[in-house]
Each structure stands twice: as structure tokens, then as C-alpha cells.
Amino acid sequence: MSSLALRPTVDAATSARRVLLHYRHSPGLVVASLAVPVVMVVVFGYVFGSAMTVPGGNYREFLMPGLLAMTAVNGLMPTMVGTARDLDRGAADRIRSMPVSRGGVLLGTALADLAVSVVVMALLAAVGLATGWRAHRGIDHALAGFGLLLLFRFVMTWLGTCLGLLAGREEVAGQLSILTFPVAMVTNTFVPTAGMPGWLRVVAEWNPVSSLVAACREQFGNPGGAATGWPLHHPLVACLGWTVLLLVVCTPLAVRAYSRHGR
């Protein structure tokens, strides 16, 4: 009985090791993952930021929580493509033919992605600090902000798994990943929502990413611009609500779809 109880944990650890070894043997992927944060800060903070002002603070302090949130959201795309690749190349079929926990395998993938995202977020935060960004509310609130980011990244991996299983093929998943771009852009990440047209402002306000960005700005003590709409007036509650909802929906769907795929 004890070995059966430990099986999901062992399977999760094995699955996480498999994903991390993939990163180890793919130096180009590692370099790209680490270079993107630096490029994002330079391009958005200095090129675009030179023409933008934010009431109550400078643009880079407004921007940094948004860029950190984009790092969390970006967990969706590689997970989607990686899941579809495993299905397309038969790796998932080989894994499912073994006496392993389906949930444990998917959990390991999510945890490995979380470990990689910790490194990427740490680098992005370091670049932000070097360019003048600061967390003004103390270490406890800063840790709370990073906790929200990692929790949201964890949820995005489960959503990405669902979408990857739905796509079924690597090239289809790659094309679908492009559709995540407008979802990530129609938010308060780069500009306040108050200046958007009415219908677009409502979409941006109720976008889960906007709640995450606003909650992080609140925890870091960074300027957020004029807040409009209930989610941006209560960003922490809205962010946690979206996170719990997505996790409750996506986790069982992903495990069930993974177990039943190909039957």
C-alpha cells in the first residue's frame, strides 16, 4: 500500500528529471530562455518607454511587474507544444504503456517547468534592479508577488497541457500558440486600461493576466495607472479567483485527456 501511495511522487520526480535533462541537452533553448528577459527589458523599458509616461512613477517600474507576468504566462506555449510533440512522436504512448501515474507524469512536467521559470524570473528581476526597478513594500510583499507569479505559471502549464492534448500534433500546437499573443497583449501590461476604447477596456480588465499584473504591482508597490473595473480595484482577490478556477478546471481535464488519448 505504501509503495502505491508513493508511486505518483516517484513518477512526478522521474517526469521532472526527463524535462530538465531535455533543457540540459538543449543549450540553445537555455540561452534563449535566459536572453529573452534581457531583451524584453531593453526593448520595452528603453525603446518604447522613452515615449511613455505613467502617473505616479516611471515607466520601467510600471513595466517590470508586467514583464514578470509575461514570463508566467509564457509557460503556456512550451508546455502546449511539448505535450503535442510527445503525442505526435509516440513518447506519450510509451509512457502510458508503463504502470505509471498519469497525474504524476503531468505533475512532474509542471514542476520542472516551474523550476526553470524560477531561474528566468530571477534573471529578469536582476535585470530590472539593474535598470532602476525596485520593490518598495518590503521583502514579505515582494515574496508574495513572486509567489503569485509562480502559482500562475504553474496553472499555465496545466492549461498548456490541455491545449496540447487538444491539438494532438506539434505543428498544430505551434500555430495555436500564436493565438496566445493577443490574449497576453490585451491587458494592462504595457499601458493602463483607462485609455482603451470601452469594449476593449472591459476585455482587458477581465483578462486574468491583467489581474495578475495589477496584483504584482500592488505587492511590489509599483505604479499601476488609473484602475478601472472591479478586477483591477481588487486585483489580489481576482487573481487568486482566476488561478483557483483555472487549476480546478484544467488539472482533472488534463489528466483525463492524457489517460484517454488514442483510445
C-alpha atoms as a PDB file:
ATOM      1  CA  MET A   1       0.000   0.000   0.000  1.00  0.00           C
ATOM      2  CA  SER A   2       2.816   2.401   0.860  1.00  0.00           C
ATOM      3  CA  SER A   3       4.536   1.797  -2.490  1.00  0.00           C
ATOM      4  CA  LEU A   4       1.278   2.540  -4.313  1.00  0.00           C
ATOM      5  CA  ALA A   5       0.885   5.737  -2.321  1.00  0.00           C
ATOM      6  CA  LEU A   6       4.427   6.809  -3.236  1.00  0.00           C
ATOM      7  CA  ARG A   7       4.093   5.973  -6.935  1.00  0.00           C
ATOM      8  CA  PRO A   8       2.710   9.377  -8.026  1.00  0.00           C
ATOM      9  CA  THR A   9       5.567  11.120  -6.216  1.00  0.00           C
ATOM     10  CA  VAL A  10       8.202   8.887  -7.808  1.00  0.00           C
ATOM     11  CA  ASP A  11       6.614   9.255 -11.238  1.00  0.00           C
ATOM     12  CA  ALA A  12       6.465  13.036 -10.840  1.00  0.00           C
ATOM     13  CA  ALA A  13      10.167  13.156  -9.932  1.00  0.00           C
ATOM     14  CA  THR A  14      11.079  10.963 -12.915  1.00  0.00           C
ATOM     15  CA  SER A  15       8.994  13.065 -15.285  1.00  0.00           C
ATOM     16  CA  ALA A  16      10.535  16.290 -13.946  1.00  0.00           C
ATOM     17  CA  ARG A  17      14.029  14.843 -14.425  1.00  0.00           C
ATOM     18  CA  ARG A  18      13.177  13.954 -18.038  1.00  0.00           C
ATOM     19  CA  VAL A  19      12.150  17.537 -18.811  1.00  0.00           C
ATOM     20  CA  LEU A  20      15.185  19.040 -17.062  1.00  0.00           C
ATOM     21  CA  LEU A  21      17.506  16.710 -18.977  1.00  0.00           C
ATOM     22  CA  HIS A  22      15.916  17.996 -22.173  1.00  0.00           C
ATOM     23  CA  TYR A  23      16.957  21.508 -21.157  1.00  0.00           C
ATOM     24  CA  ARG A  24      20.424  20.248 -20.222  1.00  0.00           C
ATOM     25  CA  HIS A  25      20.948  18.763 -23.675  1.00  0.00           C
ATOM     26  CA  SER A  26      19.443  21.779 -25.463  1.00  0.00           C
ATOM     27  CA  PRO A  27      21.872  24.675 -24.771  1.00  0.00           C
ATOM     28  CA  GLY A  28      20.203  26.824 -27.421  1.00  0.00           C
ATOM     29  CA  LEU A  29      16.885  26.551 -25.596  1.00  0.00           C
ATOM     30  CA  VAL A  30      18.545  27.510 -22.308  1.00  0.00           C
ATOM     31  CA  VAL A  31      20.319  30.512 -23.841  1.00  0.00           C
ATOM     32  CA  ALA A  32      17.087  31.692 -25.482  1.00  0.00           C
ATOM     33  CA  SER A  33      15.159  31.331 -22.213  1.00  0.00           C
ATOM     34  CA  LEU A  34      17.741  33.437 -20.401  1.00  0.00           C
ATOM     35  CA  ALA A  35      18.232  36.014 -23.156  1.00  0.00           C
ATOM     36  CA  VAL A  36      14.552  36.861 -23.639  1.00  0.00           C
ATOM     37  CA  PRO A  37      14.183  38.683 -20.269  1.00  0.00           C
ATOM     38  CA  VAL A  38      17.153  40.930 -21.023  1.00  0.00           C
ATOM     39  CA  VAL A  39      15.812  41.762 -24.488  1.00  0.00           C
ATOM     40  CA  MET A  40      12.319  42.458 -23.093  1.00  0.00           C
ATOM     41  CA  VAL A  41      13.614  44.963 -20.535  1.00  0.00           C
ATOM     42  CA  VAL A  42      15.808  46.761 -23.092  1.00  0.00           C
ATOM     43  CA  VAL A  43      13.191  46.927 -25.852  1.00  0.00           C
ATOM     44  CA  PHE A  44      10.119  47.766 -23.790  1.00  0.00           C
ATOM     45  CA  GLY A  45      11.830  49.682 -20.989  1.00  0.00           C
ATOM     46  CA  TYR A  46      14.108  51.886 -23.047  1.00  0.00           C
ATOM     47  CA  VAL A  47      12.887  51.917 -26.651  1.00  0.00           C
ATOM     48  CA  PHE A  48       9.132  52.113 -26.037  1.00  0.00           C
ATOM     49  CA  GLY A  49       9.446  53.529 -22.531  1.00  0.00           C
ATOM     50  CA  SER A  50      11.248  56.637 -23.750  1.00  0.00           C
ATOM     51  CA  ALA A  51       7.949  57.823 -25.269  1.00  0.00           C
ATOM     52  CA  MET A  52       5.630  56.865 -22.392  1.00  0.00           C
ATOM     53  CA  THR A  53       4.810  58.363 -19.017  1.00  0.00           C
ATOM     54  CA  VAL A  54       2.916  56.864 -16.101  1.00  0.00           C
ATOM     55  CA  PRO A  55       1.286  58.978 -13.378  1.00  0.00           C
ATOM     56  CA  GLY A  56       2.916  58.366 -10.014  1.00  0.00           C
ATOM     57  CA  GLY A  57       6.153  56.793 -11.206  1.00  0.00           C
ATOM     58  CA  ASN A  58       8.490  55.999 -14.089  1.00  0.00           C
ATOM     59  CA  TYR A  59       7.550  53.639 -16.887  1.00  0.00           C
ATOM     60  CA  ARG A  60      10.103  50.918 -16.075  1.00  0.00           C
ATOM     61  CA  GLU A  61       8.632  50.496 -12.592  1.00  0.00           C
ATOM     62  CA  PHE A  62       5.190  50.266 -14.187  1.00  0.00           C
ATOM     63  CA  LEU A  63       6.501  47.791 -16.772  1.00  0.00           C
ATOM     64  CA  MET A  64       8.519  45.329 -14.694  1.00  0.00           C
ATOM     65  CA  PRO A  65       5.599  43.566 -12.952  1.00  0.00           C
ATOM     66  CA  GLY A  66       4.017  43.195 -16.386  1.00  0.00           C
ATOM     67  CA  LEU A  67       7.145  41.618 -17.864  1.00  0.00           C
ATOM     68  CA  LEU A  68       7.359  39.232 -14.910  1.00  0.00           C
ATOM     69  CA  ALA A  69       3.721  38.328 -15.522  1.00  0.00           C
ATOM     70  CA  MET A  70       4.508  37.682 -19.200  1.00  0.00           C
ATOM     71  CA  THR A  71       7.161  35.228 -18.054  1.00  0.00           C
ATOM     72  CA  ALA A  72       4.492  33.428 -16.048  1.00  0.00           C
ATOM     73  CA  VAL A  73       2.055  33.399 -18.959  1.00  0.00           C
ATOM     74  CA  ASN A  74       4.732  32.150 -21.358  1.00  0.00           C
ATOM     75  CA  GLY A  75       4.630  28.786 -19.586  1.00  0.00           C
ATOM     76  CA  LEU A  76       1.578  28.095 -21.722  1.00  0.00           C
ATOM     77  CA  MET A  77       3.311  27.898 -25.097  1.00  0.00           C
ATOM     78  CA  PRO A  78       6.245  25.497 -24.492  1.00  0.00           C
ATOM     79  CA  THR A  79       4.006  23.177 -22.500  1.00  0.00           C
ATOM     80  CA  MET A  80       1.405  23.130 -25.264  1.00  0.00           C
ATOM     81  CA  VAL A  81       3.986  22.402 -27.962  1.00  0.00           C
ATOM     82  CA  GLY A  82       5.893  19.898 -25.808  1.00  0.00           C
ATOM     83  CA  THR A  83       2.744  17.946 -24.952  1.00  0.00           C
ATOM     84  CA  ALA A  84       1.682  17.799 -28.601  1.00  0.00           C
ATOM     85  CA  ARG A  85       5.228  16.743 -29.580  1.00  0.00           C
ATOM     86  CA  ASP A  86       5.140  13.833 -27.136  1.00  0.00           C
ATOM     87  CA  LEU A  87       1.824  12.702 -28.619  1.00  0.00           C
ATOM     88  CA  ASP A  88       2.993  13.190 -32.190  1.00  0.00           C
ATOM     89  CA  ARG A  89       6.229  11.222 -31.742  1.00  0.00           C
ATOM     90  CA  GLY A  90       4.750   8.414 -29.658  1.00  0.00           C
ATOM     91  CA  ALA A  91       6.530   9.280 -26.408  1.00  0.00           C
ATOM     92  CA  ALA A  92       3.226   9.666 -24.569  1.00  0.00           C
ATOM     93  CA  ASP A  93       2.066   6.250 -25.803  1.00  0.00           C
ATOM     94  CA  ARG A  94       5.231   4.614 -24.479  1.00  0.00           C
ATOM     95  CA  ILE A  95       4.817   6.315 -21.114  1.00  0.00           C
ATOM     96  CA  ARG A  96       1.156   5.333 -20.863  1.00  0.00           C
ATOM     97  CA  SER A  97       2.042   1.700 -21.624  1.00  0.00           C
ATOM     98  CA  MET A  98       4.005   1.615 -18.350  1.00  0.00           C
ATOM     99  CA  PRO A  99       2.467   1.205 -14.879  1.00  0.00           C
ATOM    100  CA  VAL A 100       2.830   4.876 -14.011  1.00  0.00           C
ATOM    101  CA  SER A 101       0.557   7.505 -12.516  1.00  0.00           C
ATOM    102  CA  ARG A 102      -0.870   9.716 -15.262  1.00  0.00           C
ATOM    103  CA  GLY A 103      -1.287  12.601 -12.855  1.00  0.00           C
ATOM    104  CA  GLY A 104       2.259  12.083 -11.559  1.00  0.00           C
ATOM    105  CA  VAL A 105       3.719  12.324 -15.061  1.00  0.00           C
ATOM    106  CA  LEU A 106       1.926  15.592 -15.778  1.00  0.00           C
ATOM    107  CA  LEU A 107       2.733  16.990 -12.337  1.00  0.00           C
ATOM    108  CA  GLY A 108       6.428  16.301 -12.906  1.00  0.00           C
ATOM    109  CA  THR A 109       6.334  18.220 -16.165  1.00  0.00           C
ATOM    110  CA  ALA A 110       4.665  21.161 -14.429  1.00  0.00           C
ATOM    111  CA  LEU A 111       7.193  21.146 -11.578  1.00  0.00           C
ATOM    112  CA  ALA A 112      10.153  21.015 -13.978  1.00  0.00           C
ATOM    113  CA  ASP A 113       8.768  23.998 -15.854  1.00  0.00           C
ATOM    114  CA  LEU A 114       8.330  25.787 -12.530  1.00  0.00           C
ATOM    115  CA  ALA A 115      11.988  25.183 -11.660  1.00  0.00           C
ATOM    116  CA  VAL A 116      13.100  26.650 -14.993  1.00  0.00           C
ATOM    117  CA  SER A 117      10.804  29.642 -14.563  1.00  0.00           C
ATOM    118  CA  VAL A 118      12.357  30.429 -11.159  1.00  0.00           C
ATOM    119  CA  VAL A 119      15.716  30.907 -12.877  1.00  0.00           C
ATOM    120  CA  VAL A 120      14.239  33.012 -15.688  1.00  0.00           C
ATOM    121  CA  MET A 121      12.268  35.225 -13.284  1.00  0.00           C
ATOM    122  CA  ALA A 122      15.321  35.681 -11.069  1.00  0.00           C
ATOM    123  CA  LEU A 123      17.337  36.858 -14.064  1.00  0.00           C
ATOM    124  CA  LEU A 124      14.560  39.201 -15.188  1.00  0.00           C
ATOM    125  CA  ALA A 125      14.292  40.640 -11.679  1.00  0.00           C
ATOM    126  CA  ALA A 126      18.072  41.151 -11.573  1.00  0.00           C
ATOM    127  CA  VAL A 127      17.999  42.990 -14.899  1.00  0.00           C
ATOM    128  CA  GLY A 128      15.104  45.071 -13.618  1.00  0.00           C
ATOM    129  CA  LEU A 129      17.005  46.003 -10.469  1.00  0.00           C
ATOM    130  CA  ALA A 130      19.998  46.990 -12.580  1.00  0.00           C
ATOM    131  CA  THR A 131      17.794  49.346 -14.616  1.00  0.00           C
ATOM    132  CA  GLY A 132      16.211  51.037 -11.620  1.00  0.00           C
ATOM    133  CA  TRP A 133      13.183  48.901 -10.735  1.00  0.00           C
ATOM    134  CA  ARG A 134      12.528  48.420  -7.016  1.00  0.00           C
ATOM    135  CA  ALA A 135      10.035  46.585  -4.803  1.00  0.00           C
ATOM    136  CA  HIS A 136       9.012  49.275  -2.312  1.00  0.00           C
ATOM    137  CA  ARG A 137       6.835  47.365   0.186  1.00  0.00           C
ATOM    138  CA  GLY A 138       9.425  45.142   1.795  1.00  0.00           C
ATOM    139  CA  ILE A 139      10.605  41.573   1.419  1.00  0.00           C
ATOM    140  CA  ASP A 140       7.361  39.954   2.573  1.00  0.00           C
ATOM    141  CA  HIS A 141       5.246  41.663  -0.080  1.00  0.00           C
ATOM    142  CA  ALA A 142       7.934  41.055  -2.698  1.00  0.00           C
ATOM    143  CA  LEU A 143       7.923  37.335  -1.919  1.00  0.00           C
ATOM    144  CA  ALA A 144       4.125  37.350  -2.085  1.00  0.00           C
ATOM    145  CA  GLY A 145       4.325  38.910  -5.545  1.00  0.00           C
ATOM    146  CA  PHE A 146       6.768  36.292  -6.792  1.00  0.00           C
ATOM    147  CA  GLY A 147       4.619  33.600  -5.200  1.00  0.00           C
ATOM    148  CA  LEU A 148       1.653  34.789  -7.263  1.00  0.00           C
ATOM    149  CA  LEU A 149       3.775  34.727 -10.405  1.00  0.00           C
ATOM    150  CA  LEU A 150       4.971  31.168  -9.816  1.00  0.00           C
ATOM    151  CA  LEU A 151       1.474  29.987  -8.935  1.00  0.00           C
ATOM    152  CA  PHE A 152       0.130  31.457 -12.169  1.00  0.00           C
ATOM    153  CA  ARG A 153       2.964  29.864 -14.155  1.00  0.00           C
ATOM    154  CA  PHE A 154       2.079  26.504 -12.581  1.00  0.00           C
ATOM    155  CA  VAL A 155      -1.536  26.944 -13.691  1.00  0.00           C
ATOM    156  CA  MET A 156      -0.440  27.902 -17.215  1.00  0.00           C
ATOM    157  CA  THR A 157       1.410  24.597 -17.597  1.00  0.00           C
ATOM    158  CA  TRP A 158      -1.822  22.689 -16.879  1.00  0.00           C
ATOM    159  CA  LEU A 159      -3.727  24.860 -19.341  1.00  0.00           C
ATOM    160  CA  GLY A 160      -0.958  24.326 -21.881  1.00  0.00           C
ATOM    161  CA  THR A 161      -1.191  20.571 -21.338  1.00  0.00           C
ATOM    162  CA  CYS A 162      -4.935  20.657 -22.040  1.00  0.00           C
ATOM    163  CA  LEU A 163      -4.435  22.657 -25.225  1.00  0.00           C
ATOM    164  CA  GLY A 164      -1.534  20.473 -26.356  1.00  0.00           C
ATOM    165  CA  LEU A 165      -3.646  17.339 -25.924  1.00  0.00           C
ATOM    166  CA  LEU A 166      -6.447  19.030 -27.822  1.00  0.00           C
ATOM    167  CA  ALA A 167      -4.101  19.982 -30.680  1.00  0.00           C
ATOM    168  CA  GLY A 168      -2.624  16.485 -30.890  1.00  0.00           C
ATOM    169  CA  ARG A 169       0.110  17.418 -33.377  1.00  0.00           C
ATOM    170  CA  GLU A 170       3.210  19.555 -32.863  1.00  0.00           C
ATOM    171  CA  GLU A 171       2.670  21.805 -35.890  1.00  0.00           C
ATOM    172  CA  VAL A 172      -0.944  22.445 -34.899  1.00  0.00           C
ATOM    173  CA  ALA A 173       0.128  23.354 -31.359  1.00  0.00           C
ATOM    174  CA  GLY A 174       2.765  25.694 -32.773  1.00  0.00           C
ATOM    175  CA  GLN A 175       0.133  27.509 -34.810  1.00  0.00           C
ATOM    176  CA  LEU A 176      -2.287  27.667 -31.886  1.00  0.00           C
ATOM    177  CA  SER A 177       0.404  29.184 -29.666  1.00  0.00           C
ATOM    178  CA  ILE A 178       0.285  32.306 -31.839  1.00  0.00           C
ATOM    179  CA  LEU A 179      -3.279  32.858 -30.628  1.00  0.00           C
ATOM    180  CA  THR A 180      -1.976  33.343 -27.084  1.00  0.00           C
ATOM    181  CA  PHE A 181      -0.255  36.553 -28.182  1.00  0.00           C
ATOM    182  CA  PRO A 182      -3.360  38.771 -28.309  1.00  0.00           C
ATOM    183  CA  VAL A 183      -4.576  37.283 -25.019  1.00  0.00           C
ATOM    184  CA  ALA A 184      -1.339  38.376 -23.391  1.00  0.00           C
ATOM    185  CA  MET A 185      -1.287  41.763 -25.114  1.00  0.00           C
ATOM    186  CA  VAL A 186      -4.877  42.936 -24.453  1.00  0.00           C
ATOM    187  CA  THR A 187      -4.027  43.619 -20.822  1.00  0.00           C
ATOM    188  CA  ASN A 188      -2.657  46.342 -18.562  1.00  0.00           C
ATOM    189  CA  THR A 189       0.893  45.008 -19.045  1.00  0.00           C
ATOM    190  CA  PHE A 190       2.261  47.764 -21.264  1.00  0.00           C
ATOM    191  CA  VAL A 191      -0.310  50.559 -20.937  1.00  0.00           C
ATOM    192  CA  PRO A 192      -3.070  51.391 -18.417  1.00  0.00           C
ATOM    193  CA  THR A 193      -6.508  50.163 -19.439  1.00  0.00           C
ATOM    194  CA  ALA A 194      -8.136  53.560 -18.763  1.00  0.00           C
ATOM    195  CA  GLY A 195      -7.107  54.881 -22.188  1.00  0.00           C
ATOM    196  CA  MET A 196      -8.554  51.955 -24.164  1.00  0.00           C
ATOM    197  CA  PRO A 197     -11.878  52.052 -26.043  1.00  0.00           C
ATOM    198  CA  GLY A 198     -14.819  50.995 -23.856  1.00  0.00           C
ATOM    199  CA  TRP A 199     -15.347  47.453 -25.190  1.00  0.00           C
ATOM    200  CA  LEU A 200     -11.617  46.706 -25.291  1.00  0.00           C
ATOM    201  CA  ARG A 201     -11.134  48.097 -21.779  1.00  0.00           C
ATOM    202  CA  VAL A 202     -13.720  45.652 -20.405  1.00  0.00           C
ATOM    203  CA  VAL A 203     -11.961  42.735 -22.127  1.00  0.00           C
ATOM    204  CA  ALA A 204      -8.601  43.851 -20.739  1.00  0.00           C
ATOM    205  CA  GLU A 205      -9.949  44.391 -17.220  1.00  0.00           C
ATOM    206  CA  TRP A 206     -11.429  40.881 -17.030  1.00  0.00           C
ATOM    207  CA  ASN A 207      -8.386  39.247 -18.571  1.00  0.00           C
ATOM    208  CA  PRO A 208      -6.766  37.041 -15.866  1.00  0.00           C
ATOM    209  CA  VAL A 209      -3.355  38.366 -16.895  1.00  0.00           C
ATOM    210  CA  SER A 210      -4.427  41.918 -16.029  1.00  0.00           C
ATOM    211  CA  SER A 211      -5.417  40.787 -12.534  1.00  0.00           C
ATOM    212  CA  LEU A 212      -2.018  39.130 -12.093  1.00  0.00           C
ATOM    213  CA  VAL A 213      -0.158  42.236 -13.286  1.00  0.00           C
ATOM    214  CA  ALA A 214      -2.190  44.559 -11.056  1.00  0.00           C
ATOM    215  CA  ALA A 215      -1.758  42.264  -8.040  1.00  0.00           C
ATOM    216  CA  CYS A 216       2.012  42.179  -8.572  1.00  0.00           C
ATOM    217  CA  ARG A 217       2.189  45.963  -8.898  1.00  0.00           C
ATOM    218  CA  GLU A 218       0.272  46.199  -5.650  1.00  0.00           C
ATOM    219  CA  GLN A 219       2.610  43.780  -3.861  1.00  0.00           C
ATOM    220  CA  PHE A 220       5.758  45.420  -5.241  1.00  0.00           C
ATOM    221  CA  GLY A 221       4.490  48.945  -4.593  1.00  0.00           C
ATOM    222  CA  ASN A 222       4.890  49.967  -8.245  1.00  0.00           C
ATOM    223  CA  PRO A 223       2.664  52.463 -10.104  1.00  0.00           C
ATOM    224  CA  GLY A 224      -0.332  50.964 -11.863  1.00  0.00           C
ATOM    225  CA  GLY A 225      -2.058  53.864 -13.556  1.00  0.00           C
ATOM    226  CA  ALA A 226      -5.751  54.610 -13.160  1.00  0.00           C
ATOM    227  CA  ALA A 227      -7.649  51.483 -12.078  1.00  0.00           C
ATOM    228  CA  THR A 228     -10.974  50.814 -13.746  1.00  0.00           C
ATOM    229  CA  GLY A 229     -13.274  47.831 -13.339  1.00  0.00           C
ATOM    230  CA  TRP A 230     -13.789  45.507 -10.372  1.00  0.00           C
ATOM    231  CA  PRO A 231     -10.866  43.120 -11.092  1.00  0.00           C
ATOM    232  CA  LEU A 232      -8.339  45.967 -11.088  1.00  0.00           C
ATOM    233  CA  HIS A 233      -9.803  47.506  -7.938  1.00  0.00           C
ATOM    234  CA  HIS A 234      -9.483  44.112  -6.194  1.00  0.00           C
ATOM    235  CA  PRO A 235      -6.549  42.575  -8.076  1.00  0.00           C
ATOM    236  CA  LEU A 236      -5.384  40.097  -5.442  1.00  0.00           C
ATOM    237  CA  VAL A 237      -8.845  38.596  -4.970  1.00  0.00           C
ATOM    238  CA  ALA A 238      -9.409  38.499  -8.734  1.00  0.00           C
ATOM    239  CA  CYS A 239      -6.004  36.931  -9.404  1.00  0.00           C
ATOM    240  CA  LEU A 240      -6.468  34.193  -6.806  1.00  0.00           C
ATOM    241  CA  GLY A 241     -10.015  33.567  -8.047  1.00  0.00           C
ATOM    242  CA  TRP A 242      -8.864  33.114 -11.655  1.00  0.00           C
ATOM    243  CA  THR A 243      -5.966  30.920 -10.529  1.00  0.00           C
ATOM    244  CA  VAL A 244      -8.126  28.580  -8.463  1.00  0.00           C
ATOM    245  CA  LEU A 245     -10.770  28.388 -11.203  1.00  0.00           C
ATOM    246  CA  LEU A 246      -8.247  27.523 -13.925  1.00  0.00           C
ATOM    247  CA  LEU A 247      -6.473  24.991 -11.720  1.00  0.00           C
ATOM    248  CA  VAL A 248      -9.691  23.242 -10.683  1.00  0.00           C
ATOM    249  CA  VAL A 249     -10.867  23.034 -14.288  1.00  0.00           C
ATOM    250  CA  CYS A 250      -7.620  22.289 -16.139  1.00  0.00           C
ATOM    251  CA  THR A 251      -5.963  19.745 -13.825  1.00  0.00           C
ATOM    252  CA  PRO A 252      -8.616  16.993 -13.984  1.00  0.00           C
ATOM    253  CA  LEU A 253      -9.260  17.702 -17.672  1.00  0.00           C
ATOM    254  CA  ALA A 254      -5.564  17.323 -18.480  1.00  0.00           C
ATOM    255  CA  VAL A 255      -5.206  14.064 -16.540  1.00  0.00           C
ATOM    256  CA  ARG A 256      -8.359  12.604 -18.072  1.00  0.00           C
ATOM    257  CA  ALA A 257      -7.460  13.639 -21.625  1.00  0.00           C
ATOM    258  CA  TYR A 258      -3.919  12.279 -21.224  1.00  0.00           C
ATOM    259  CA  SER A 259      -5.229   8.947 -19.956  1.00  0.00           C
ATOM    260  CA  ARG A 260      -7.859   8.602 -22.664  1.00  0.00           C
ATOM    261  CA  HIS A 261      -5.913   9.906 -25.664  1.00  0.00           C
ATOM    262  CA  GLY A 262      -5.706   7.394 -28.501  1.00  0.00           C
ATOM    263  CA  ARG A 263      -8.434   5.109 -27.150  1.00  0.00           C
END
